[in-house]
């Protein structure tokens, strides 16, 4: 059984338990449930922003602990001060050490799009995402059938949420539906967690133009981000590279500065 299969099996059991403990009707009483969302798609396309979706991530199944005692408040504010376009918050507890409260904490201190990064397999998780203050959710093509993904996308839209659909192969583009706001290419193979940034570059020209285009995983080189941006990508989801530093916000700020320097040099050379 692959890591992804283990995660999905556990997630289905976890969702069933949460449904009994926190019924959907209870979640709908949250103060965040009727609050207008901040558009992830619009922020990723803003020219005054970096396109970076900076992620709060405590651990991963492949790397173990990354930054287990990090402060959501300090890290999220640091990310936004560095010019990040959006935040991503991992809410899976068992495999990634996150929790729903992390996203709500980030929501309290930041006006920006916040992506709930989790493994969504049930409409209940969309209601949950809205109740904790998320603006967008991740739908992973690898672990959803085409009809299931389409149904979840429609349900997310009905709740006011934006959707980042994640793929890592050309074939998974067949699952794209018009409700998708952003399409992400995961450079990490979800079966064995190996990473290859060439995946994004190979698929760049085939991604739907109406959706914001995002490259995910393994982005630890500013030069690679510049290359991806010039290939047509709007967003760059980066977590582990920042989170493994003592001060993730400062790491994000320095990364952004390096991107700007490289682009200035390239623009100067072209001129």
C-alpha atoms as a PDB file:
ATOM      1  CA  UNK A   1       0.000   0.000   0.000  1.00  0.00           C
ATOM      2  CA  UNK A   2       1.393   3.407  -1.024  1.00  0.00           C
ATOM      3  CA  UNK A   3       1.699   6.347   1.390  1.00  0.00           C
ATOM      4  CA  UNK A   4      -1.224   8.055  -0.344  1.00  0.00           C
ATOM      5  CA  UNK A   5      -3.435   4.968  -0.011  1.00  0.00           C
ATOM      6  CA  UNK A   6      -2.643   4.786   3.704  1.00  0.00           C
ATOM      7  CA  UNK A   7      -3.494   8.467   4.132  1.00  0.00           C
ATOM      8  CA  UNK A   8      -6.819   8.131   2.291  1.00  0.00           C
ATOM      9  CA  UNK A   9      -7.834   5.018   4.248  1.00  0.00           C
ATOM     10  CA  UNK A  10      -7.112   6.799   7.520  1.00  0.00           C
ATOM     11  CA  UNK A  11      -8.861   9.977   6.324  1.00  0.00           C
ATOM     12  CA  UNK A  12     -12.117   8.138   5.593  1.00  0.00           C
ATOM     13  CA  UNK A  13     -12.157   6.709   9.120  1.00  0.00           C
ATOM     14  CA  UNK A  14     -11.272  10.102  10.602  1.00  0.00           C
ATOM     15  CA  UNK A  15     -14.053  11.891   8.696  1.00  0.00           C
ATOM     16  CA  UNK A  16     -16.652   9.361   9.879  1.00  0.00           C
ATOM     17  CA  UNK A  17     -15.581   9.976  13.480  1.00  0.00           C
ATOM     18  CA  UNK A  18     -15.644  13.769  13.093  1.00  0.00           C
ATOM     19  CA  UNK A  19     -19.120  13.684  11.560  1.00  0.00           C
ATOM     20  CA  UNK A  20     -20.452  12.047  14.713  1.00  0.00           C
ATOM     21  CA  UNK A  21     -18.608  14.444  17.039  1.00  0.00           C
ATOM     22  CA  UNK A  22     -19.182  17.689  15.124  1.00  0.00           C
ATOM     23  CA  UNK A  23     -22.348  17.494  12.957  1.00  0.00           C
ATOM     24  CA  UNK A  24     -22.482  19.696   9.853  1.00  0.00           C
ATOM     25  CA  UNK A  25     -25.295  21.776  11.378  1.00  0.00           C
ATOM     26  CA  UNK A  26     -22.998  22.666  14.260  1.00  0.00           C
ATOM     27  CA  UNK A  27     -20.155  23.665  11.909  1.00  0.00           C
ATOM     28  CA  UNK A  28     -22.513  25.957  10.022  1.00  0.00           C
ATOM     29  CA  UNK A  29     -22.893  28.093  13.169  1.00  0.00           C
ATOM     30  CA  UNK A  30     -19.261  29.232  12.875  1.00  0.00           C
ATOM     31  CA  UNK A  31     -18.653  32.976  12.507  1.00  0.00           C
ATOM     32  CA  UNK A  32     -16.589  32.210   9.398  1.00  0.00           C
ATOM     33  CA  UNK A  33     -19.305  30.294   7.579  1.00  0.00           C
ATOM     34  CA  UNK A  34     -20.970  33.316   5.966  1.00  0.00           C
ATOM     35  CA  UNK A  35     -17.843  35.480   5.651  1.00  0.00           C
ATOM     36  CA  UNK A  36     -16.939  36.289   2.016  1.00  0.00           C
ATOM     37  CA  UNK A  37     -13.825  34.435   0.866  1.00  0.00           C
ATOM     38  CA  UNK A  38     -10.626  36.118  -0.304  1.00  0.00           C
ATOM     39  CA  UNK A  39      -9.953  34.984  -3.875  1.00  0.00           C
ATOM     40  CA  UNK A  40      -6.901  32.748  -4.250  1.00  0.00           C
ATOM     41  CA  UNK A  41      -7.052  33.028  -8.034  1.00  0.00           C
ATOM     42  CA  UNK A  42      -7.072  36.841  -7.991  1.00  0.00           C
ATOM     43  CA  UNK A  43      -4.199  37.069  -5.511  1.00  0.00           C
ATOM     44  CA  UNK A  44      -2.058  34.650  -7.514  1.00  0.00           C
ATOM     45  CA  UNK A  45      -2.503  36.799 -10.607  1.00  0.00           C
ATOM     46  CA  UNK A  46      -1.788  40.120  -8.878  1.00  0.00           C
ATOM     47  CA  UNK A  47       1.347  41.703 -10.406  1.00  0.00           C
ATOM     48  CA  UNK A  48       2.377  43.275  -7.086  1.00  0.00           C
ATOM     49  CA  UNK A  49       2.615  39.862  -5.395  1.00  0.00           C
ATOM     50  CA  UNK A  50       5.170  37.059  -5.659  1.00  0.00           C
ATOM     51  CA  UNK A  51       2.755  34.247  -6.506  1.00  0.00           C
ATOM     52  CA  UNK A  52       4.176  32.288  -3.578  1.00  0.00           C
ATOM     53  CA  UNK A  53       1.686  30.220  -1.577  1.00  0.00           C
ATOM     54  CA  UNK A  54       3.663  29.922   1.652  1.00  0.00           C
ATOM     55  CA  UNK A  55       2.823  26.818   3.623  1.00  0.00           C
ATOM     56  CA  UNK A  56       2.648  26.133   7.336  1.00  0.00           C
ATOM     57  CA  UNK A  57       3.771  22.535   7.718  1.00  0.00           C
ATOM     58  CA  UNK A  58       5.005  20.849  10.891  1.00  0.00           C
ATOM     59  CA  UNK A  59       5.959  17.423   9.544  1.00  0.00           C
ATOM     60  CA  UNK A  60       5.569  15.062   6.587  1.00  0.00           C
ATOM     61  CA  UNK A  61       5.355  11.271   6.168  1.00  0.00           C
ATOM     62  CA  UNK A  62       8.557  11.231   4.130  1.00  0.00           C
ATOM     63  CA  UNK A  63      10.707  13.663   6.176  1.00  0.00           C
ATOM     64  CA  UNK A  64       9.275  13.291   9.683  1.00  0.00           C
ATOM     65  CA  UNK A  65       9.389  16.385  11.907  1.00  0.00           C
ATOM     66  CA  UNK A  66      10.234  19.596  10.054  1.00  0.00           C
ATOM     67  CA  UNK A  67       9.341  22.327  12.546  1.00  0.00           C
ATOM     68  CA  UNK A  68       7.022  20.739  15.146  1.00  0.00           C
ATOM     69  CA  UNK A  69       6.896  23.660  17.582  1.00  0.00           C
ATOM     70  CA  UNK A  70       6.480  26.518  15.102  1.00  0.00           C
ATOM     71  CA  UNK A  71       4.076  29.339  15.985  1.00  0.00           C
ATOM     72  CA  UNK A  72       1.235  29.765  13.485  1.00  0.00           C
ATOM     73  CA  UNK A  73       0.939  33.441  14.391  1.00  0.00           C
ATOM     74  CA  UNK A  74       4.629  34.275  13.906  1.00  0.00           C
ATOM     75  CA  UNK A  75       5.139  32.180  10.795  1.00  0.00           C
ATOM     76  CA  UNK A  76       1.967  33.254   8.964  1.00  0.00           C
ATOM     77  CA  UNK A  77       2.511  36.957   9.671  1.00  0.00           C
ATOM     78  CA  UNK A  78       6.143  36.588   8.612  1.00  0.00           C
ATOM     79  CA  UNK A  79       5.082  35.008   5.351  1.00  0.00           C
ATOM     80  CA  UNK A  80       2.666  37.797   4.516  1.00  0.00           C
ATOM     81  CA  UNK A  81       5.169  40.503   5.428  1.00  0.00           C
ATOM     82  CA  UNK A  82       7.599  38.879   2.987  1.00  0.00           C
ATOM     83  CA  UNK A  83       5.142  39.448   0.131  1.00  0.00           C
ATOM     84  CA  UNK A  84       3.609  35.981  -0.193  1.00  0.00           C
ATOM     85  CA  UNK A  85       0.385  35.910  -2.195  1.00  0.00           C
ATOM     86  CA  UNK A  86      -1.399  33.363  -0.031  1.00  0.00           C
ATOM     87  CA  UNK A  87      -1.087  30.931   2.845  1.00  0.00           C
ATOM     88  CA  UNK A  88      -1.470  27.163   2.821  1.00  0.00           C
ATOM     89  CA  UNK A  89      -2.134  25.429   6.128  1.00  0.00           C
ATOM     90  CA  UNK A  90      -1.912  21.667   6.547  1.00  0.00           C
ATOM     91  CA  UNK A  91      -4.758  20.470   8.747  1.00  0.00           C
ATOM     92  CA  UNK A  92      -4.076  16.723   8.674  1.00  0.00           C
ATOM     93  CA  UNK A  93      -3.005  15.600  12.146  1.00  0.00           C
ATOM     94  CA  UNK A  94      -2.022  11.951  11.848  1.00  0.00           C
ATOM     95  CA  UNK A  95       0.489  12.263   9.002  1.00  0.00           C
ATOM     96  CA  UNK A  96       1.414  15.958   8.943  1.00  0.00           C
ATOM     97  CA  UNK A  97       1.056  17.137  12.537  1.00  0.00           C
ATOM     98  CA  UNK A  98      -1.451  19.866  11.679  1.00  0.00           C
ATOM     99  CA  UNK A  99      -4.903  20.668  12.987  1.00  0.00           C
ATOM    100  CA  UNK A 100      -7.946  22.727  12.060  1.00  0.00           C
ATOM    101  CA  UNK A 101      -7.102  25.225  14.778  1.00  0.00           C
ATOM    102  CA  UNK A 102      -3.882  26.098  12.930  1.00  0.00           C
ATOM    103  CA  UNK A 103      -5.875  27.460  10.008  1.00  0.00           C
ATOM    104  CA  UNK A 104      -8.272  29.367  12.251  1.00  0.00           C
ATOM    105  CA  UNK A 105      -5.264  30.863  14.041  1.00  0.00           C
ATOM    106  CA  UNK A 106      -3.784  32.000  10.724  1.00  0.00           C
ATOM    107  CA  UNK A 107      -7.161  33.471   9.737  1.00  0.00           C
ATOM    108  CA  UNK A 108      -7.231  35.635  12.887  1.00  0.00           C
ATOM    109  CA  UNK A 109      -3.982  37.391  11.990  1.00  0.00           C
ATOM    110  CA  UNK A 110      -4.030  37.642   8.178  1.00  0.00           C
ATOM    111  CA  UNK A 111      -6.234  39.100   5.454  1.00  0.00           C
ATOM    112  CA  UNK A 112      -5.209  36.956   2.495  1.00  0.00           C
ATOM    113  CA  UNK A 113      -6.365  33.778   0.757  1.00  0.00           C
ATOM    114  CA  UNK A 114      -5.861  30.698   2.949  1.00  0.00           C
ATOM    115  CA  UNK A 115      -5.819  27.254   1.387  1.00  0.00           C
ATOM    116  CA  UNK A 116      -6.874  24.312   3.499  1.00  0.00           C
ATOM    117  CA  UNK A 117      -4.277  21.664   2.606  1.00  0.00           C
ATOM    118  CA  UNK A 118      -5.750  18.263   3.372  1.00  0.00           C
ATOM    119  CA  UNK A 119      -6.964  15.098   1.695  1.00  0.00           C
ATOM    120  CA  UNK A 120     -10.603  15.795   0.883  1.00  0.00           C
ATOM    121  CA  UNK A 121     -12.794  12.781   0.196  1.00  0.00           C
ATOM    122  CA  UNK A 122     -16.166  13.917   1.559  1.00  0.00           C
ATOM    123  CA  UNK A 123     -18.469  16.955   1.355  1.00  0.00           C
ATOM    124  CA  UNK A 124     -18.298  17.198   5.150  1.00  0.00           C
ATOM    125  CA  UNK A 125     -14.666  18.346   4.859  1.00  0.00           C
ATOM    126  CA  UNK A 126     -15.769  21.254   2.651  1.00  0.00           C
ATOM    127  CA  UNK A 127     -18.263  22.391   5.287  1.00  0.00           C
ATOM    128  CA  UNK A 128     -15.498  21.978   7.853  1.00  0.00           C
ATOM    129  CA  UNK A 129     -13.105  24.060   5.725  1.00  0.00           C
ATOM    130  CA  UNK A 130     -15.621  26.903   5.518  1.00  0.00           C
ATOM    131  CA  UNK A 131     -16.243  26.756   9.267  1.00  0.00           C
ATOM    132  CA  UNK A 132     -12.558  27.116  10.189  1.00  0.00           C
ATOM    133  CA  UNK A 133     -11.937  30.136   7.959  1.00  0.00           C
ATOM    134  CA  UNK A 134     -10.540  28.661   4.740  1.00  0.00           C
ATOM    135  CA  UNK A 135     -10.954  30.469   1.413  1.00  0.00           C
ATOM    136  CA  UNK A 136      -9.923  27.577  -0.815  1.00  0.00           C
ATOM    137  CA  UNK A 137      -9.581  23.813  -0.683  1.00  0.00           C
ATOM    138  CA  UNK A 138      -7.335  21.276  -2.358  1.00  0.00           C
ATOM    139  CA  UNK A 139      -8.873  18.513  -4.464  1.00  0.00           C
ATOM    140  CA  UNK A 140      -6.291  15.865  -5.388  1.00  0.00           C
ATOM    141  CA  UNK A 141      -7.008  14.196  -8.728  1.00  0.00           C
ATOM    142  CA  UNK A 142      -4.892  11.187  -7.773  1.00  0.00           C
ATOM    143  CA  UNK A 143      -7.273  10.131  -5.004  1.00  0.00           C
ATOM    144  CA  UNK A 144     -10.647  11.129  -6.515  1.00  0.00           C
ATOM    145  CA  UNK A 145     -12.625   9.607  -9.372  1.00  0.00           C
ATOM    146  CA  UNK A 146     -13.628  12.068 -12.103  1.00  0.00           C
ATOM    147  CA  UNK A 147     -17.297  12.154 -11.049  1.00  0.00           C
ATOM    148  CA  UNK A 148     -16.380  12.438  -7.374  1.00  0.00           C
ATOM    149  CA  UNK A 149     -14.037  15.367  -8.037  1.00  0.00           C
ATOM    150  CA  UNK A 150     -16.672  17.128 -10.148  1.00  0.00           C
ATOM    151  CA  UNK A 151     -19.297  16.693  -7.421  1.00  0.00           C
ATOM    152  CA  UNK A 152     -16.974  17.989  -4.696  1.00  0.00           C
ATOM    153  CA  UNK A 153     -16.034  20.960  -6.902  1.00  0.00           C
ATOM    154  CA  UNK A 154     -19.702  21.896  -7.328  1.00  0.00           C
ATOM    155  CA  UNK A 155     -20.322  21.521  -3.600  1.00  0.00           C
ATOM    156  CA  UNK A 156     -17.287  23.665  -2.762  1.00  0.00           C
ATOM    157  CA  UNK A 157     -18.517  26.400  -5.105  1.00  0.00           C
ATOM    158  CA  UNK A 158     -21.972  26.294  -3.532  1.00  0.00           C
ATOM    159  CA  UNK A 159     -20.300  26.986  -0.184  1.00  0.00           C
ATOM    160  CA  UNK A 160     -18.348  29.918  -1.636  1.00  0.00           C
ATOM    161  CA  UNK A 161     -14.974  28.170  -1.584  1.00  0.00           C
ATOM    162  CA  UNK A 162     -12.383  28.365  -4.345  1.00  0.00           C
ATOM    163  CA  UNK A 163     -10.697  25.186  -5.562  1.00  0.00           C
ATOM    164  CA  UNK A 164      -7.114  24.219  -6.304  1.00  0.00           C
ATOM    165  CA  UNK A 165      -7.141  20.954  -8.253  1.00  0.00           C
ATOM    166  CA  UNK A 166      -3.877  19.047  -7.992  1.00  0.00           C
ATOM    167  CA  UNK A 167      -2.528  16.787 -10.713  1.00  0.00           C
ATOM    168  CA  UNK A 168       0.810  15.127 -11.335  1.00  0.00           C
ATOM    169  CA  UNK A 169       0.255  13.572 -14.757  1.00  0.00           C
ATOM    170  CA  UNK A 170      -1.160  14.577 -18.147  1.00  0.00           C
ATOM    171  CA  UNK A 171      -3.918  11.969 -17.875  1.00  0.00           C
ATOM    172  CA  UNK A 172      -5.363  13.615 -14.768  1.00  0.00           C
ATOM    173  CA  UNK A 173      -6.192  16.754 -16.777  1.00  0.00           C
ATOM    174  CA  UNK A 174      -9.251  14.792 -17.955  1.00  0.00           C
ATOM    175  CA  UNK A 175     -10.730  15.369 -14.478  1.00  0.00           C
ATOM    176  CA  UNK A 176     -10.695  19.156 -14.886  1.00  0.00           C
ATOM    177  CA  UNK A 177     -14.088  20.856 -14.592  1.00  0.00           C
ATOM    178  CA  UNK A 178     -15.073  24.538 -15.104  1.00  0.00           C
ATOM    179  CA  UNK A 179     -15.559  25.102 -11.357  1.00  0.00           C
ATOM    180  CA  UNK A 180     -11.793  24.812 -10.781  1.00  0.00           C
ATOM    181  CA  UNK A 181     -10.127  28.152  -9.986  1.00  0.00           C
ATOM    182  CA  UNK A 182      -6.511  27.014  -9.965  1.00  0.00           C
ATOM    183  CA  UNK A 183      -4.741  23.920 -11.220  1.00  0.00           C
ATOM    184  CA  UNK A 184      -1.607  22.727  -9.471  1.00  0.00           C
ATOM    185  CA  UNK A 185       1.058  20.405 -10.820  1.00  0.00           C
ATOM    186  CA  UNK A 186       2.540  18.397  -7.977  1.00  0.00           C
ATOM    187  CA  UNK A 187       6.200  17.712  -8.694  1.00  0.00           C
ATOM    188  CA  UNK A 188       6.089  15.045  -5.981  1.00  0.00           C
ATOM    189  CA  UNK A 189       5.059  11.539  -6.971  1.00  0.00           C
ATOM    190  CA  UNK A 190       2.364  10.736  -4.422  1.00  0.00           C
ATOM    191  CA  UNK A 191       3.076   7.010  -4.629  1.00  0.00           C
ATOM    192  CA  UNK A 192       6.682   7.202  -3.420  1.00  0.00           C
ATOM    193  CA  UNK A 193       7.138  10.947  -2.604  1.00  0.00           C
ATOM    194  CA  UNK A 194      10.091  11.479  -4.993  1.00  0.00           C
ATOM    195  CA  UNK A 195      10.306  14.984  -6.537  1.00  0.00           C
ATOM    196  CA  UNK A 196      11.043  16.227 -10.077  1.00  0.00           C
ATOM    197  CA  UNK A 197      10.353  19.872 -11.043  1.00  0.00           C
ATOM    198  CA  UNK A 198      10.469  18.896 -14.728  1.00  0.00           C
ATOM    199  CA  UNK A 199       6.911  17.612 -14.214  1.00  0.00           C
ATOM    200  CA  UNK A 200       5.587  21.180 -14.070  1.00  0.00           C
ATOM    201  CA  UNK A 201       7.571  22.347 -17.091  1.00  0.00           C
ATOM    202  CA  UNK A 202       6.392  19.390 -19.173  1.00  0.00           C
ATOM    203  CA  UNK A 203       2.733  20.105 -18.439  1.00  0.00           C
ATOM    204  CA  UNK A 204       2.875  23.921 -18.529  1.00  0.00           C
ATOM    205  CA  UNK A 205       1.585  24.287 -22.078  1.00  0.00           C
ATOM    206  CA  UNK A 206      -1.341  21.918 -21.551  1.00  0.00           C
ATOM    207  CA  UNK A 207      -2.914  23.509 -18.480  1.00  0.00           C
ATOM    208  CA  UNK A 208      -6.261  25.311 -18.911  1.00  0.00           C
ATOM    209  CA  UNK A 209      -5.620  29.013 -19.493  1.00  0.00           C
ATOM    210  CA  UNK A 210      -8.694  30.151 -17.582  1.00  0.00           C
ATOM    211  CA  UNK A 211      -7.343  28.682 -14.317  1.00  0.00           C
ATOM    212  CA  UNK A 212      -4.458  30.061 -12.268  1.00  0.00           C
ATOM    213  CA  UNK A 213      -1.478  27.716 -12.759  1.00  0.00           C
ATOM    214  CA  UNK A 214       0.467  26.543  -9.722  1.00  0.00           C
ATOM    215  CA  UNK A 215       3.629  24.488  -9.325  1.00  0.00           C
ATOM    216  CA  UNK A 216       3.848  22.495  -6.102  1.00  0.00           C
ATOM    217  CA  UNK A 217       6.557  20.664  -4.133  1.00  0.00           C
ATOM    218  CA  UNK A 218      10.334  20.638  -4.353  1.00  0.00           C
ATOM    219  CA  UNK A 219      10.663  24.369  -5.023  1.00  0.00           C
ATOM    220  CA  UNK A 220      13.850  25.280  -3.160  1.00  0.00           C
ATOM    221  CA  UNK A 221      15.686  27.217  -5.897  1.00  0.00           C
ATOM    222  CA  UNK A 222      14.682  30.801  -6.856  1.00  0.00           C
ATOM    223  CA  UNK A 223      16.053  30.165 -10.347  1.00  0.00           C
ATOM    224  CA  UNK A 224      13.543  27.335 -10.810  1.00  0.00           C
ATOM    225  CA  UNK A 225      10.672  29.622  -9.753  1.00  0.00           C
ATOM    226  CA  UNK A 226      11.756  32.222 -12.310  1.00  0.00           C
ATOM    227  CA  UNK A 227      11.875  29.528 -14.999  1.00  0.00           C
ATOM    228  CA  UNK A 228       8.412  28.306 -14.023  1.00  0.00           C
ATOM    229  CA  UNK A 229       7.022  31.852 -13.999  1.00  0.00           C
ATOM    230  CA  UNK A 230       8.312  32.424 -17.521  1.00  0.00           C
ATOM    231  CA  UNK A 231       6.734  29.131 -18.559  1.00  0.00           C
ATOM    232  CA  UNK A 232       3.344  30.543 -17.563  1.00  0.00           C
ATOM    233  CA  UNK A 233       2.900  29.595 -13.902  1.00  0.00           C
ATOM    234  CA  UNK A 234       1.173  32.083 -11.592  1.00  0.00           C
ATOM    235  CA  UNK A 235       1.675  30.378  -8.236  1.00  0.00           C
ATOM    236  CA  UNK A 236       4.360  28.446  -6.390  1.00  0.00           C
ATOM    237  CA  UNK A 237       3.458  26.406  -3.327  1.00  0.00           C
ATOM    238  CA  UNK A 238       6.461  26.278  -0.998  1.00  0.00           C
ATOM    239  CA  UNK A 239       6.451  24.898   2.524  1.00  0.00           C
ATOM    240  CA  UNK A 240       9.223  22.561   3.562  1.00  0.00           C
ATOM    241  CA  UNK A 241      12.020  24.796   2.223  1.00  0.00           C
ATOM    242  CA  UNK A 242      10.824  27.647   4.465  1.00  0.00           C
ATOM    243  CA  UNK A 243       9.624  25.628   7.445  1.00  0.00           C
ATOM    244  CA  UNK A 244      12.925  23.835   7.994  1.00  0.00           C
ATOM    245  CA  UNK A 245      14.530  27.220   8.745  1.00  0.00           C
ATOM    246  CA  UNK A 246      14.519  28.732  12.239  1.00  0.00           C
ATOM    247  CA  UNK A 247      12.566  31.733  10.914  1.00  0.00           C
ATOM    248  CA  UNK A 248      10.375  30.671   7.966  1.00  0.00           C
ATOM    249  CA  UNK A 249       9.166  34.228   7.308  1.00  0.00           C
ATOM    250  CA  UNK A 250      12.719  35.525   6.862  1.00  0.00           C
ATOM    251  CA  UNK A 251      13.552  32.528   4.665  1.00  0.00           C
ATOM    252  CA  UNK A 252      10.568  33.436   2.469  1.00  0.00           C
ATOM    253  CA  UNK A 253      11.668  37.069   2.342  1.00  0.00           C
ATOM    254  CA  UNK A 254      15.203  36.153   1.222  1.00  0.00           C
ATOM    255  CA  UNK A 255      13.826  33.702  -1.357  1.00  0.00           C
ATOM    256  CA  UNK A 256      11.625  36.476  -2.760  1.00  0.00           C
ATOM    257  CA  UNK A 257      14.570  38.872  -2.961  1.00  0.00           C
ATOM    258  CA  UNK A 258      16.593  36.312  -4.897  1.00  0.00           C
ATOM    259  CA  UNK A 259      13.737  35.842  -7.364  1.00  0.00           C
ATOM    260  CA  UNK A 260      13.585  39.615  -7.895  1.00  0.00           C
ATOM    261  CA  UNK A 261      17.381  39.823  -8.445  1.00  0.00           C
ATOM    262  CA  UNK A 262      17.330  37.034 -11.020  1.00  0.00           C
ATOM    263  CA  UNK A 263      14.429  38.589 -12.903  1.00  0.00           C
ATOM    264  CA  UNK A 264      16.128  41.998 -12.919  1.00  0.00           C
ATOM    265  CA  UNK A 265      19.271  40.437 -14.387  1.00  0.00           C
ATOM    266  CA  UNK A 266      17.301  38.569 -17.037  1.00  0.00           C
ATOM    267  CA  UNK A 267      15.258  41.633 -17.962  1.00  0.00           C
ATOM    268  CA  UNK A 268      18.460  43.683 -18.180  1.00  0.00           C
ATOM    269  CA  UNK A 269      20.071  41.108 -20.432  1.00  0.00           C
ATOM    270  CA  UNK A 270      17.034  41.094 -22.735  1.00  0.00           C
ATOM    271  CA  UNK A 271      16.948  44.910 -22.860  1.00  0.00           C
END
